[in-house]
Amino acid sequence: HVVYALNCFNGCLPNRRSDCPWLFSYLERCLAFWLREGKRQERGGKPLPESLAAHSWEAEAVDAVAECVDCLRGLGEDNEDGPTAEAIREGCAWLLSRQEADGLFW
C-alpha cells in the first residue's frame, strides 16, 4: 500500500508518475503478470498437473488483479489513453467476467 502512503490515503496529496516512477512500473508489470496468470485457462491452456498446480498463481489472480487495478486507478492512470489505461480497462473487464450473479468472484 505504498501508493496510499504517498498520498496520505487519498486525503490531500495528488499522485504523479514522477513522484515514484518505479512504483508505477512495478504495478504495470504486476497487472500484466496477473492477467496472464488469470487468463491461462481462458486461452485454452491445459490444466496444470496437480504437482505444478500447487505452484501456480492462477488461484490468486482475482485478488491480485483487483489490487493492481485499484492502485493504478487510485493513481489516476485510468484517465488517459495509453497502455496503462488500456491494461486497467482489460483488468476491469476480466474481473467482471469472473463475477457471479450473487456478486462473488471465482
N, C-alpha and C. Protein backbone atom coordinates (compact mmCIF):
# COMPACT_ATOMS: atom_id res chain seq x y z
N HIS A 1 0.80 -1.20 0.00
CA HIS A 1 0.00 0.00 0.00
C HIS A 1 0.84 1.26 0.00
N VAL A 2 1.99 1.15 -0.61
CA VAL A 2 2.87 2.30 -0.75
C VAL A 2 2.15 3.44 -1.47
N VAL A 3 1.32 3.09 -2.43
CA VAL A 3 0.58 4.10 -3.20
C VAL A 3 -0.19 5.01 -2.27
N TYR A 4 -0.87 4.43 -1.31
CA TYR A 4 -1.72 5.22 -0.43
C TYR A 4 -0.91 5.97 0.63
N ALA A 5 0.24 5.45 0.99
CA ALA A 5 1.10 6.18 1.91
C ALA A 5 1.65 7.44 1.24
N LEU A 6 1.89 7.37 -0.07
CA LEU A 6 2.42 8.53 -0.79
C LEU A 6 1.44 9.69 -0.82
N ASN A 7 0.14 9.39 -0.81
CA ASN A 7 -0.84 10.47 -0.92
C ASN A 7 -1.70 10.59 0.34
N CYS A 8 -1.18 10.14 1.47
CA CYS A 8 -1.90 10.22 2.76
C CYS A 8 -3.27 9.56 2.65
N PHE A 9 -3.28 8.39 2.06
CA PHE A 9 -4.50 7.60 1.89
C PHE A 9 -5.60 8.41 1.20
N ASN A 10 -5.21 9.03 0.09
CA ASN A 10 -6.09 9.84 -0.75
C ASN A 10 -6.64 11.05 -0.01
N GLY A 11 -6.00 11.43 1.07
CA GLY A 11 -6.51 12.53 1.88
C GLY A 11 -6.21 13.91 1.34
N CYS A 12 -4.99 14.12 0.87
CA CYS A 12 -4.67 15.50 0.49
C CYS A 12 -3.68 15.64 -0.65
N LEU A 13 -2.92 14.64 -0.94
CA LEU A 13 -1.86 14.79 -1.94
C LEU A 13 -2.20 14.08 -3.24
N PRO A 14 -2.02 14.74 -4.37
CA PRO A 14 -2.22 14.05 -5.64
C PRO A 14 -1.03 13.12 -5.93
N ASN A 15 -1.23 12.16 -6.75
CA ASN A 15 -0.15 11.28 -7.16
C ASN A 15 0.25 11.63 -8.59
N ARG A 16 1.53 11.58 -8.82
CA ARG A 16 2.06 11.78 -10.16
C ARG A 16 3.08 10.70 -10.42
N ARG A 17 3.17 10.28 -11.67
CA ARG A 17 4.14 9.27 -12.05
C ARG A 17 5.55 9.69 -11.65
N SER A 18 5.84 10.97 -11.77
CA SER A 18 7.19 11.46 -11.44
C SER A 18 7.49 11.36 -9.94
N ASP A 19 6.47 11.24 -9.09
CA ASP A 19 6.70 11.10 -7.65
C ASP A 19 7.38 9.77 -7.32
N CYS A 20 7.06 8.75 -8.08
CA CYS A 20 7.58 7.42 -7.76
C CYS A 20 7.51 6.53 -9.01
N PRO A 21 8.35 6.80 -10.01
CA PRO A 21 8.25 6.07 -11.28
C PRO A 21 8.44 4.55 -11.13
N TRP A 22 9.26 4.11 -10.19
CA TRP A 22 9.47 2.67 -10.02
C TRP A 22 8.19 1.98 -9.57
N LEU A 23 7.37 2.67 -8.79
CA LEU A 23 6.13 2.08 -8.31
C LEU A 23 5.13 1.90 -9.45
N PHE A 24 5.00 2.92 -10.30
CA PHE A 24 4.13 2.79 -11.46
C PHE A 24 4.57 1.62 -12.34
N SER A 25 5.86 1.55 -12.59
CA SER A 25 6.40 0.49 -13.43
C SER A 25 6.12 -0.88 -12.83
N TYR A 26 6.33 -1.00 -11.53
CA TYR A 26 6.10 -2.27 -10.84
C TYR A 26 4.61 -2.68 -10.94
N LEU A 27 3.72 -1.74 -10.68
CA LEU A 27 2.29 -2.05 -10.75
C LEU A 27 1.86 -2.45 -12.16
N GLU A 28 2.40 -1.78 -13.17
CA GLU A 28 2.07 -2.13 -14.55
C GLU A 28 2.54 -3.54 -14.89
N ARG A 29 3.75 -3.88 -14.48
CA ARG A 29 4.27 -5.24 -14.73
C ARG A 29 3.46 -6.28 -13.97
N CYS A 30 3.11 -5.96 -12.74
CA CYS A 30 2.31 -6.90 -11.94
C CYS A 30 0.94 -7.13 -12.57
N LEU A 31 0.29 -6.08 -13.03
CA LEU A 31 -1.02 -6.24 -13.65
C LEU A 31 -0.92 -7.14 -14.87
N ALA A 32 0.09 -6.94 -15.70
CA ALA A 32 0.27 -7.78 -16.89
C ALA A 32 0.50 -9.24 -16.48
N PHE A 33 1.32 -9.47 -15.48
CA PHE A 33 1.60 -10.83 -15.00
C PHE A 33 0.33 -11.50 -14.50
N TRP A 34 -0.41 -10.81 -13.62
CA TRP A 34 -1.60 -11.43 -13.02
C TRP A 34 -2.70 -11.66 -14.05
N LEU A 35 -2.83 -10.78 -15.02
CA LEU A 35 -3.81 -11.02 -16.08
C LEU A 35 -3.43 -12.26 -16.89
N ARG A 36 -2.15 -12.41 -17.18
CA ARG A 36 -1.68 -13.61 -17.90
C ARG A 36 -2.00 -14.87 -17.10
N GLU A 37 -1.70 -14.82 -15.81
CA GLU A 37 -1.98 -15.98 -14.95
C GLU A 37 -3.47 -16.28 -14.90
N GLY A 38 -4.27 -15.26 -14.74
CA GLY A 38 -5.71 -15.45 -14.62
C GLY A 38 -6.36 -15.96 -15.90
N LYS A 39 -5.79 -15.59 -17.02
CA LYS A 39 -6.37 -15.98 -18.31
C LYS A 39 -5.81 -17.30 -18.85
N ARG A 40 -4.99 -17.96 -18.09
CA ARG A 40 -4.35 -19.20 -18.55
C ARG A 40 -5.39 -20.20 -19.08
N GLN A 41 -6.43 -20.48 -18.33
CA GLN A 41 -7.45 -21.44 -18.74
C GLN A 41 -8.28 -20.89 -19.90
N GLU A 42 -8.57 -19.60 -19.89
CA GLU A 42 -9.38 -18.98 -20.95
C GLU A 42 -8.69 -19.05 -22.31
N ARG A 43 -7.37 -19.05 -22.30
CA ARG A 43 -6.62 -19.11 -23.55
C ARG A 43 -6.56 -20.52 -24.12
N GLY A 44 -7.24 -21.43 -23.47
CA GLY A 44 -7.21 -22.80 -23.94
C GLY A 44 -6.05 -23.59 -23.39
N GLY A 45 -5.40 -23.02 -22.40
CA GLY A 45 -4.29 -23.73 -21.79
C GLY A 45 -4.79 -24.97 -21.07
N LYS A 46 -4.01 -25.99 -21.14
CA LYS A 46 -4.38 -27.22 -20.45
C LYS A 46 -4.25 -27.02 -18.95
N PRO A 47 -5.12 -27.66 -18.19
CA PRO A 47 -4.95 -27.58 -16.74
C PRO A 47 -3.58 -28.13 -16.35
N LEU A 48 -2.98 -27.50 -15.37
CA LEU A 48 -1.66 -27.95 -14.93
C LEU A 48 -1.77 -29.27 -14.18
N PRO A 49 -0.74 -30.09 -14.30
CA PRO A 49 -0.71 -31.30 -13.47
C PRO A 49 -0.78 -30.92 -12.00
N GLU A 50 -1.33 -31.79 -11.19
CA GLU A 50 -1.51 -31.49 -9.77
C GLU A 50 -0.20 -31.09 -9.10
N SER A 51 0.89 -31.70 -9.52
CA SER A 51 2.19 -31.39 -8.91
C SER A 51 2.60 -29.94 -9.18
N LEU A 52 2.18 -29.37 -10.31
CA LEU A 52 2.52 -27.99 -10.63
C LEU A 52 1.43 -27.01 -10.19
N ALA A 53 0.20 -27.48 -10.11
CA ALA A 53 -0.91 -26.60 -9.76
C ALA A 53 -0.70 -25.94 -8.40
N ALA A 54 -0.05 -26.65 -7.50
CA ALA A 54 0.22 -26.08 -6.18
C ALA A 54 1.15 -24.87 -6.27
N HIS A 55 1.92 -24.78 -7.34
CA HIS A 55 2.86 -23.67 -7.52
C HIS A 55 2.33 -22.63 -8.49
N SER A 56 1.11 -22.80 -8.97
CA SER A 56 0.50 -21.86 -9.91
C SER A 56 -0.04 -20.65 -9.16
N TRP A 57 -0.02 -19.53 -9.83
CA TRP A 57 -0.55 -18.30 -9.24
C TRP A 57 -1.97 -18.04 -9.71
N GLU A 58 -2.50 -18.89 -10.54
CA GLU A 58 -3.82 -18.66 -11.13
C GLU A 58 -4.91 -18.44 -10.08
N ALA A 59 -4.87 -19.21 -9.00
CA ALA A 59 -5.91 -19.12 -7.97
C ALA A 59 -5.89 -17.76 -7.26
N GLU A 60 -4.78 -17.07 -7.29
CA GLU A 60 -4.65 -15.77 -6.61
C GLU A 60 -4.91 -14.60 -7.55
N ALA A 61 -5.19 -14.87 -8.81
CA ALA A 61 -5.24 -13.81 -9.81
C ALA A 61 -6.34 -12.79 -9.57
N VAL A 62 -7.53 -13.22 -9.15
CA VAL A 62 -8.62 -12.26 -8.96
C VAL A 62 -8.23 -11.19 -7.95
N ASP A 63 -7.72 -11.61 -6.82
CA ASP A 63 -7.34 -10.65 -5.79
C ASP A 63 -6.20 -9.76 -6.25
N ALA A 64 -5.21 -10.34 -6.91
CA ALA A 64 -4.05 -9.57 -7.34
C ALA A 64 -4.41 -8.57 -8.44
N VAL A 65 -5.23 -8.99 -9.41
CA VAL A 65 -5.66 -8.06 -10.47
C VAL A 65 -6.46 -6.92 -9.85
N ALA A 66 -7.35 -7.26 -8.91
CA ALA A 66 -8.16 -6.22 -8.26
C ALA A 66 -7.27 -5.21 -7.53
N GLU A 67 -6.24 -5.69 -6.84
CA GLU A 67 -5.32 -4.79 -6.13
C GLU A 67 -4.56 -3.89 -7.11
N CYS A 68 -4.05 -4.47 -8.19
CA CYS A 68 -3.31 -3.68 -9.18
C CYS A 68 -4.20 -2.62 -9.81
N VAL A 69 -5.41 -3.01 -10.21
CA VAL A 69 -6.35 -2.07 -10.82
C VAL A 69 -6.69 -0.96 -9.82
N ASP A 70 -6.95 -1.34 -8.58
CA ASP A 70 -7.30 -0.36 -7.55
C ASP A 70 -6.17 0.66 -7.37
N CYS A 71 -4.95 0.18 -7.26
CA CYS A 71 -3.81 1.09 -7.07
C CYS A 71 -3.60 1.99 -8.27
N LEU A 72 -3.63 1.43 -9.46
CA LEU A 72 -3.40 2.24 -10.66
C LEU A 72 -4.53 3.25 -10.87
N ARG A 73 -5.76 2.85 -10.57
CA ARG A 73 -6.87 3.80 -10.67
C ARG A 73 -6.72 4.89 -9.61
N GLY A 74 -6.25 4.50 -8.43
CA GLY A 74 -6.01 5.49 -7.38
C GLY A 74 -4.94 6.50 -7.75
N LEU A 75 -4.07 6.10 -8.65
CA LEU A 75 -3.02 7.00 -9.13
C LEU A 75 -3.48 7.82 -10.33
N GLY A 76 -4.74 7.66 -10.71
CA GLY A 76 -5.29 8.44 -11.81
C GLY A 76 -4.90 7.95 -13.18
N GLU A 77 -4.41 6.73 -13.27
CA GLU A 77 -3.91 6.22 -14.55
C GLU A 77 -5.01 5.80 -15.51
N ASP A 78 -6.25 5.73 -15.07
CA ASP A 78 -7.32 5.32 -15.98
C ASP A 78 -7.90 6.51 -16.72
N ASN A 79 -7.43 7.71 -16.44
CA ASN A 79 -7.97 8.92 -17.06
C ASN A 79 -7.27 9.30 -18.36
N GLU A 80 -6.37 8.48 -18.81
CA GLU A 80 -5.60 8.82 -20.00
C GLU A 80 -5.70 7.69 -21.01
N ASP A 81 -5.37 8.01 -22.22
CA ASP A 81 -5.27 6.95 -23.23
C ASP A 81 -3.83 6.48 -23.23
N GLY A 82 -3.65 5.22 -23.43
CA GLY A 82 -2.30 4.67 -23.44
C GLY A 82 -2.31 3.26 -22.91
N PRO A 83 -1.14 2.64 -22.87
CA PRO A 83 -1.06 1.25 -22.47
C PRO A 83 -1.53 0.98 -21.04
N THR A 84 -1.26 1.91 -20.12
CA THR A 84 -1.68 1.69 -18.74
C THR A 84 -3.20 1.75 -18.62
N ALA A 85 -3.81 2.75 -19.23
CA ALA A 85 -5.27 2.87 -19.18
C ALA A 85 -5.92 1.67 -19.85
N GLU A 86 -5.33 1.20 -20.94
CA GLU A 86 -5.85 0.02 -21.62
C GLU A 86 -5.76 -1.23 -20.74
N ALA A 87 -4.64 -1.38 -20.04
CA ALA A 87 -4.47 -2.52 -19.14
C ALA A 87 -5.46 -2.46 -17.98
N ILE A 88 -5.73 -1.25 -17.48
CA ILE A 88 -6.72 -1.10 -16.41
C ILE A 88 -8.10 -1.51 -16.91
N ARG A 89 -8.46 -1.06 -18.10
CA ARG A 89 -9.76 -1.45 -18.66
C ARG A 89 -9.83 -2.95 -18.87
N GLU A 90 -8.74 -3.55 -19.35
CA GLU A 90 -8.69 -5.01 -19.53
C GLU A 90 -8.85 -5.72 -18.18
N GLY A 91 -8.18 -5.20 -17.16
CA GLY A 91 -8.29 -5.79 -15.83
C GLY A 91 -9.71 -5.70 -15.29
N CYS A 92 -10.35 -4.55 -15.46
CA CYS A 92 -11.74 -4.38 -15.00
C CYS A 92 -12.67 -5.33 -15.74
N ALA A 93 -12.50 -5.44 -17.05
CA ALA A 93 -13.34 -6.34 -17.85
C ALA A 93 -13.14 -7.79 -17.41
N TRP A 94 -11.89 -8.17 -17.18
CA TRP A 94 -11.63 -9.54 -16.75
C TRP A 94 -12.25 -9.81 -15.38
N LEU A 95 -12.12 -8.86 -14.47
CA LEU A 95 -12.73 -9.03 -13.15
C LEU A 95 -14.24 -9.20 -13.26
N LEU A 96 -14.87 -8.38 -14.09
CA LEU A 96 -16.33 -8.50 -14.26
C LEU A 96 -16.71 -9.85 -14.86
N SER A 97 -15.85 -10.40 -15.71
CA SER A 97 -16.13 -11.71 -16.30
C SER A 97 -16.04 -12.82 -15.27
N ARG A 98 -15.36 -12.58 -14.17
CA ARG A 98 -15.19 -13.58 -13.12
C ARG A 98 -16.24 -13.45 -12.01
N GLN A 99 -17.12 -12.46 -12.11
CA GLN A 99 -18.09 -12.20 -11.05
C GLN A 99 -19.37 -13.01 -11.28
N GLU A 100 -19.83 -13.64 -10.24
CA GLU A 100 -21.07 -14.42 -10.28
C GLU A 100 -22.27 -13.49 -10.11
N ALA A 101 -23.46 -14.01 -10.38
CA ALA A 101 -24.69 -13.24 -10.24
C ALA A 101 -24.90 -12.75 -8.80
N ASP A 102 -24.39 -13.51 -7.82
CA ASP A 102 -24.54 -13.10 -6.42
C ASP A 102 -23.50 -12.09 -5.98
N GLY A 103 -22.62 -11.68 -6.91
CA GLY A 103 -21.62 -10.67 -6.61
C GLY A 103 -20.27 -11.21 -6.19
N LEU A 104 -20.20 -12.51 -5.92
CA LEU A 104 -18.93 -13.11 -5.52
C LEU A 104 -18.06 -13.41 -6.74
N PHE A 105 -16.77 -13.46 -6.52
CA PHE A 105 -15.84 -13.75 -7.59
C PHE A 105 -15.36 -15.18 -7.48
N TRP A 106 -15.03 -15.78 -8.60
CA TRP A 106 -14.48 -17.15 -8.60
C TRP A 106 -13.17 -17.17 -9.30
